[in-house]
């Protein structure tokens, strides 16, 4: 165990240095109400960003459902300090109207973002989110993508939550930053 400890500590340090590079980028995109949204929208007490797409068969709706459950469990005061943004990595299919309808299926308010595919790509890369289209035949496709929840405090990266995390762990992680 003592022999492996330096290896584990080194891996953690490397991970933290890698995540420290996630600075986001300046951007100008549209929300579901067709209003311009920029990086200043992320400058709140606590912001969660999730990159996904409305045609996602499983991970995206499950992750957004977990975030919806977290919001429901928060006190009114904490809800006011927490915003969730869903950024479509499939802006070719995900218009503001489609995203709005998709997000309306959840109980709590989440903000949808879409826009120019190149701008979305640059923005997602700036947060360390990778994506690629996987064609399934006859022009249909899915998108393979990084699917963690990115947490920001005052617009600065503070944590990343795996989509594999249990709801309880997501809640604990978010709640600790809302104290």
C-alpha atoms as a PDB file:
ATOM      1  CA  UNK A   1       0.000   0.000   0.000  1.00  0.00           C
ATOM      2  CA  UNK A   2       2.758   2.456   0.908  1.00  0.00           C
ATOM      3  CA  UNK A   3       4.544   1.681  -2.347  1.00  0.00           C
ATOM      4  CA  UNK A   4       1.420   2.563  -4.381  1.00  0.00           C
ATOM      5  CA  UNK A   5       0.540   5.729  -2.415  1.00  0.00           C
ATOM      6  CA  UNK A   6       2.880   8.017  -4.416  1.00  0.00           C
ATOM      7  CA  UNK A   7       1.385   6.647  -7.659  1.00  0.00           C
ATOM      8  CA  UNK A   8      -2.181   7.414  -6.511  1.00  0.00           C
ATOM      9  CA  UNK A   9      -1.213  10.881  -5.285  1.00  0.00           C
ATOM     10  CA  UNK A  10       0.539  11.575  -8.586  1.00  0.00           C
ATOM     11  CA  UNK A  11      -2.554  10.492 -10.526  1.00  0.00           C
ATOM     12  CA  UNK A  12      -4.762  12.813  -8.435  1.00  0.00           C
ATOM     13  CA  UNK A  13      -2.348  15.720  -8.962  1.00  0.00           C
ATOM     14  CA  UNK A  14      -2.319  15.096 -12.736  1.00  0.00           C
ATOM     15  CA  UNK A  15      -6.138  14.965 -12.797  1.00  0.00           C
ATOM     16  CA  UNK A  16      -6.386  18.255 -10.852  1.00  0.00           C
ATOM     17  CA  UNK A  17      -3.863  19.943 -13.165  1.00  0.00           C
ATOM     18  CA  UNK A  18      -5.802  18.688 -16.210  1.00  0.00           C
ATOM     19  CA  UNK A  19      -9.130  19.952 -14.846  1.00  0.00           C
ATOM     20  CA  UNK A  20      -7.548  23.296 -13.942  1.00  0.00           C
ATOM     21  CA  UNK A  21      -7.225  23.885 -17.696  1.00  0.00           C
ATOM     22  CA  UNK A  22     -11.028  23.978 -18.034  1.00  0.00           C
ATOM     23  CA  UNK A  23     -11.606  27.690 -18.211  1.00  0.00           C
ATOM     24  CA  UNK A  24     -14.544  27.857 -20.534  1.00  0.00           C
ATOM     25  CA  UNK A  25     -14.479  30.359 -23.348  1.00  0.00           C
ATOM     26  CA  UNK A  26     -16.237  33.480 -24.437  1.00  0.00           C
ATOM     27  CA  UNK A  27     -19.325  32.637 -26.431  1.00  0.00           C
ATOM     28  CA  UNK A  28     -22.551  34.028 -27.762  1.00  0.00           C
ATOM     29  CA  UNK A  29     -25.316  31.470 -28.283  1.00  0.00           C
ATOM     30  CA  UNK A  30     -29.116  31.329 -27.921  1.00  0.00           C
ATOM     31  CA  UNK A  31     -31.293  30.111 -25.107  1.00  0.00           C
ATOM     32  CA  UNK A  32     -34.654  28.410 -25.600  1.00  0.00           C
ATOM     33  CA  UNK A  33     -36.392  31.793 -25.754  1.00  0.00           C
ATOM     34  CA  UNK A  34     -34.135  32.777 -28.665  1.00  0.00           C
ATOM     35  CA  UNK A  35     -32.322  35.285 -26.421  1.00  0.00           C
ATOM     36  CA  UNK A  36     -28.571  35.782 -26.639  1.00  0.00           C
ATOM     37  CA  UNK A  37     -26.681  34.084 -23.837  1.00  0.00           C
ATOM     38  CA  UNK A  38     -22.993  34.508 -23.014  1.00  0.00           C
ATOM     39  CA  UNK A  39     -20.418  33.211 -20.526  1.00  0.00           C
ATOM     40  CA  UNK A  40     -21.585  35.844 -18.011  1.00  0.00           C
ATOM     41  CA  UNK A  41     -24.745  33.750 -17.574  1.00  0.00           C
ATOM     42  CA  UNK A  42     -22.596  31.221 -15.704  1.00  0.00           C
ATOM     43  CA  UNK A  43     -21.485  33.773 -13.095  1.00  0.00           C
ATOM     44  CA  UNK A  44     -23.793  32.770 -10.265  1.00  0.00           C
ATOM     45  CA  UNK A  45     -23.306  31.322  -6.811  1.00  0.00           C
ATOM     46  CA  UNK A  46     -23.451  27.787  -8.290  1.00  0.00           C
ATOM     47  CA  UNK A  47     -23.973  26.697 -11.880  1.00  0.00           C
ATOM     48  CA  UNK A  48     -24.214  23.209 -13.333  1.00  0.00           C
ATOM     49  CA  UNK A  49     -23.549  22.728 -17.047  1.00  0.00           C
ATOM     50  CA  UNK A  50     -24.496  19.539 -18.837  1.00  0.00           C
ATOM     51  CA  UNK A  51     -23.711  18.958 -22.502  1.00  0.00           C
ATOM     52  CA  UNK A  52     -26.103  16.561 -24.227  1.00  0.00           C
ATOM     53  CA  UNK A  53     -28.749  16.227 -26.917  1.00  0.00           C
ATOM     54  CA  UNK A  54     -32.510  15.707 -26.956  1.00  0.00           C
ATOM     55  CA  UNK A  55     -32.371  12.507 -29.038  1.00  0.00           C
ATOM     56  CA  UNK A  56     -30.079  10.843 -26.496  1.00  0.00           C
ATOM     57  CA  UNK A  57     -31.622   7.488 -25.605  1.00  0.00           C
ATOM     58  CA  UNK A  58     -30.428   7.151 -22.013  1.00  0.00           C
ATOM     59  CA  UNK A  59     -27.553   9.059 -20.362  1.00  0.00           C
ATOM     60  CA  UNK A  60     -28.819  12.601 -21.043  1.00  0.00           C
ATOM     61  CA  UNK A  61     -32.379  12.135 -19.771  1.00  0.00           C
ATOM     62  CA  UNK A  62     -31.164  10.145 -16.739  1.00  0.00           C
ATOM     63  CA  UNK A  63     -28.592  12.801 -15.814  1.00  0.00           C
ATOM     64  CA  UNK A  64     -31.058  15.646 -16.272  1.00  0.00           C
ATOM     65  CA  UNK A  65     -33.611  13.707 -14.217  1.00  0.00           C
ATOM     66  CA  UNK A  66     -31.046  13.388 -11.405  1.00  0.00           C
ATOM     67  CA  UNK A  67     -30.401  17.138 -11.573  1.00  0.00           C
ATOM     68  CA  UNK A  68     -34.156  17.739 -11.506  1.00  0.00           C
ATOM     69  CA  UNK A  69     -34.451  15.574  -8.369  1.00  0.00           C
ATOM     70  CA  UNK A  70     -31.564  17.493  -6.759  1.00  0.00           C
ATOM     71  CA  UNK A  71     -33.289  20.818  -7.415  1.00  0.00           C
ATOM     72  CA  UNK A  72     -36.534  19.463  -5.950  1.00  0.00           C
ATOM     73  CA  UNK A  73     -34.776  18.435  -2.751  1.00  0.00           C
ATOM     74  CA  UNK A  74     -33.006  21.787  -2.234  1.00  0.00           C
ATOM     75  CA  UNK A  75     -34.466  24.391   0.104  1.00  0.00           C
ATOM     76  CA  UNK A  76     -36.047  27.448  -1.530  1.00  0.00           C
ATOM     77  CA  UNK A  77     -33.047  29.584  -0.537  1.00  0.00           C
ATOM     78  CA  UNK A  78     -30.580  27.126  -2.097  1.00  0.00           C
ATOM     79  CA  UNK A  79     -32.699  26.759  -5.265  1.00  0.00           C
ATOM     80  CA  UNK A  80     -32.339  30.501  -5.805  1.00  0.00           C
ATOM     81  CA  UNK A  81     -28.538  30.126  -5.771  1.00  0.00           C
ATOM     82  CA  UNK A  82     -28.391  27.230  -8.257  1.00  0.00           C
ATOM     83  CA  UNK A  83     -28.819  27.230 -12.048  1.00  0.00           C
ATOM     84  CA  UNK A  84     -28.660  24.292 -14.432  1.00  0.00           C
ATOM     85  CA  UNK A  85     -27.758  24.789 -18.094  1.00  0.00           C
ATOM     86  CA  UNK A  86     -28.315  22.130 -20.745  1.00  0.00           C
ATOM     87  CA  UNK A  87     -26.117  22.812 -23.770  1.00  0.00           C
ATOM     88  CA  UNK A  88     -27.089  20.912 -26.910  1.00  0.00           C
ATOM     89  CA  UNK A  89     -24.163  19.304 -28.685  1.00  0.00           C
ATOM     90  CA  UNK A  90     -26.579  18.604 -31.555  1.00  0.00           C
ATOM     91  CA  UNK A  91     -27.646  22.101 -32.594  1.00  0.00           C
ATOM     92  CA  UNK A  92     -28.479  20.886 -36.102  1.00  0.00           C
ATOM     93  CA  UNK A  93     -31.496  18.988 -34.708  1.00  0.00           C
ATOM     94  CA  UNK A  94     -31.992  20.761 -31.372  1.00  0.00           C
ATOM     95  CA  UNK A  95     -33.689  24.065 -32.122  1.00  0.00           C
ATOM     96  CA  UNK A  96     -34.673  26.362 -29.242  1.00  0.00           C
ATOM     97  CA  UNK A  97     -38.262  25.077 -29.548  1.00  0.00           C
ATOM     98  CA  UNK A  98     -37.237  21.414 -29.351  1.00  0.00           C
ATOM     99  CA  UNK A  99     -34.974  22.023 -26.354  1.00  0.00           C
ATOM    100  CA  UNK A 100     -37.684  24.042 -24.600  1.00  0.00           C
ATOM    101  CA  UNK A 101     -40.185  21.219 -25.041  1.00  0.00           C
ATOM    102  CA  UNK A 102     -37.596  18.670 -23.871  1.00  0.00           C
ATOM    103  CA  UNK A 103     -36.706  20.646 -20.728  1.00  0.00           C
ATOM    104  CA  UNK A 104     -40.388  21.293 -19.970  1.00  0.00           C
ATOM    105  CA  UNK A 105     -40.736  17.558 -19.324  1.00  0.00           C
ATOM    106  CA  UNK A 106     -38.794  18.123 -16.083  1.00  0.00           C
ATOM    107  CA  UNK A 107     -40.392  19.606 -12.970  1.00  0.00           C
ATOM    108  CA  UNK A 108     -37.794  22.309 -12.300  1.00  0.00           C
ATOM    109  CA  UNK A 109     -36.401  25.097 -14.437  1.00  0.00           C
ATOM    110  CA  UNK A 110     -33.311  24.334 -16.478  1.00  0.00           C
ATOM    111  CA  UNK A 111     -31.907  26.663 -19.097  1.00  0.00           C
ATOM    112  CA  UNK A 112     -31.373  25.350 -22.615  1.00  0.00           C
ATOM    113  CA  UNK A 113     -28.632  26.594 -24.915  1.00  0.00           C
ATOM    114  CA  UNK A 114     -28.122  26.016 -28.633  1.00  0.00           C
ATOM    115  CA  UNK A 115     -26.670  27.874 -31.588  1.00  0.00           C
ATOM    116  CA  UNK A 116     -24.007  27.713 -34.247  1.00  0.00           C
ATOM    117  CA  UNK A 117     -22.433  24.202 -34.305  1.00  0.00           C
ATOM    118  CA  UNK A 118     -18.877  25.604 -34.489  1.00  0.00           C
ATOM    119  CA  UNK A 119     -19.485  27.846 -31.466  1.00  0.00           C
ATOM    120  CA  UNK A 120     -21.002  24.941 -29.519  1.00  0.00           C
ATOM    121  CA  UNK A 121     -17.983  22.792 -30.400  1.00  0.00           C
ATOM    122  CA  UNK A 122     -15.494  25.448 -29.242  1.00  0.00           C
ATOM    123  CA  UNK A 123     -17.438  26.004 -26.035  1.00  0.00           C
ATOM    124  CA  UNK A 124     -17.677  22.283 -25.256  1.00  0.00           C
ATOM    125  CA  UNK A 125     -13.967  21.788 -25.921  1.00  0.00           C
ATOM    126  CA  UNK A 126     -13.131  24.644 -23.546  1.00  0.00           C
ATOM    127  CA  UNK A 127     -14.813  22.667 -20.755  1.00  0.00           C
ATOM    128  CA  UNK A 128     -13.132  19.389 -21.735  1.00  0.00           C
ATOM    129  CA  UNK A 129     -16.222  17.871 -23.329  1.00  0.00           C
ATOM    130  CA  UNK A 130     -15.567  15.603 -26.295  1.00  0.00           C
ATOM    131  CA  UNK A 131     -18.171  14.526 -28.840  1.00  0.00           C
ATOM    132  CA  UNK A 132     -18.469  12.671 -32.120  1.00  0.00           C
ATOM    133  CA  UNK A 133     -21.312  11.700 -34.404  1.00  0.00           C
ATOM    134  CA  UNK A 134     -21.884   7.968 -34.821  1.00  0.00           C
ATOM    135  CA  UNK A 135     -23.909   7.247 -37.939  1.00  0.00           C
ATOM    136  CA  UNK A 136     -26.390   4.390 -37.601  1.00  0.00           C
ATOM    137  CA  UNK A 137     -27.551   4.176 -41.225  1.00  0.00           C
ATOM    138  CA  UNK A 138     -29.722   6.118 -43.662  1.00  0.00           C
ATOM    139  CA  UNK A 139     -28.347   9.418 -42.357  1.00  0.00           C
ATOM    140  CA  UNK A 140     -29.458   8.817 -38.761  1.00  0.00           C
ATOM    141  CA  UNK A 141     -26.933   9.373 -36.011  1.00  0.00           C
ATOM    142  CA  UNK A 142     -26.303   9.405 -32.308  1.00  0.00           C
ATOM    143  CA  UNK A 143     -23.649  11.431 -30.558  1.00  0.00           C
ATOM    144  CA  UNK A 144     -21.016   9.827 -28.386  1.00  0.00           C
ATOM    145  CA  UNK A 145     -19.990  12.473 -25.845  1.00  0.00           C
ATOM    146  CA  UNK A 146     -18.507  13.264 -22.465  1.00  0.00           C
ATOM    147  CA  UNK A 147     -21.430  13.378 -20.112  1.00  0.00           C
ATOM    148  CA  UNK A 148     -20.322  14.643 -16.754  1.00  0.00           C
ATOM    149  CA  UNK A 149     -21.936  17.528 -14.909  1.00  0.00           C
ATOM    150  CA  UNK A 150     -19.620  20.530 -14.693  1.00  0.00           C
ATOM    151  CA  UNK A 151     -19.972  22.707 -11.606  1.00  0.00           C
ATOM    152  CA  UNK A 152     -18.968  26.364 -11.585  1.00  0.00           C
ATOM    153  CA  UNK A 153     -18.890  28.870  -8.772  1.00  0.00           C
ATOM    154  CA  UNK A 154     -18.922  32.499  -9.930  1.00  0.00           C
ATOM    155  CA  UNK A 155     -18.174  31.271 -13.447  1.00  0.00           C
ATOM    156  CA  UNK A 156     -15.055  29.301 -12.423  1.00  0.00           C
ATOM    157  CA  UNK A 157     -14.667  25.527 -12.596  1.00  0.00           C
ATOM    158  CA  UNK A 158     -14.863  23.848  -9.184  1.00  0.00           C
ATOM    159  CA  UNK A 159     -15.869  20.239  -9.800  1.00  0.00           C
ATOM    160  CA  UNK A 160     -16.966  17.584 -12.246  1.00  0.00           C
ATOM    161  CA  UNK A 161     -19.583  14.972 -11.352  1.00  0.00           C
ATOM    162  CA  UNK A 162     -19.720  11.709 -13.282  1.00  0.00           C
ATOM    163  CA  UNK A 163     -23.019  10.778 -14.905  1.00  0.00           C
ATOM    164  CA  UNK A 164     -22.462   7.376 -13.245  1.00  0.00           C
ATOM    165  CA  UNK A 165     -22.783   8.968  -9.800  1.00  0.00           C
ATOM    166  CA  UNK A 166     -25.810   7.950  -7.796  1.00  0.00           C
ATOM    167  CA  UNK A 167     -28.457  10.609  -7.221  1.00  0.00           C
ATOM    168  CA  UNK A 168     -27.513  10.823  -3.529  1.00  0.00           C
ATOM    169  CA  UNK A 169     -23.873  11.545  -4.417  1.00  0.00           C
ATOM    170  CA  UNK A 170     -24.871  14.197  -6.954  1.00  0.00           C
ATOM    171  CA  UNK A 171     -27.075  15.832  -4.316  1.00  0.00           C
ATOM    172  CA  UNK A 172     -24.324  15.784  -1.663  1.00  0.00           C
ATOM    173  CA  UNK A 173     -21.762  17.205  -4.095  1.00  0.00           C
ATOM    174  CA  UNK A 174     -24.029  20.063  -5.205  1.00  0.00           C
ATOM    175  CA  UNK A 175     -25.391  20.778  -1.736  1.00  0.00           C
ATOM    176  CA  UNK A 176     -21.920  21.175  -0.205  1.00  0.00           C
ATOM    177  CA  UNK A 177     -21.237  24.120  -2.550  1.00  0.00           C
ATOM    178  CA  UNK A 178     -24.523  25.811  -1.622  1.00  0.00           C
ATOM    179  CA  UNK A 179     -23.725  26.347   2.061  1.00  0.00           C
END
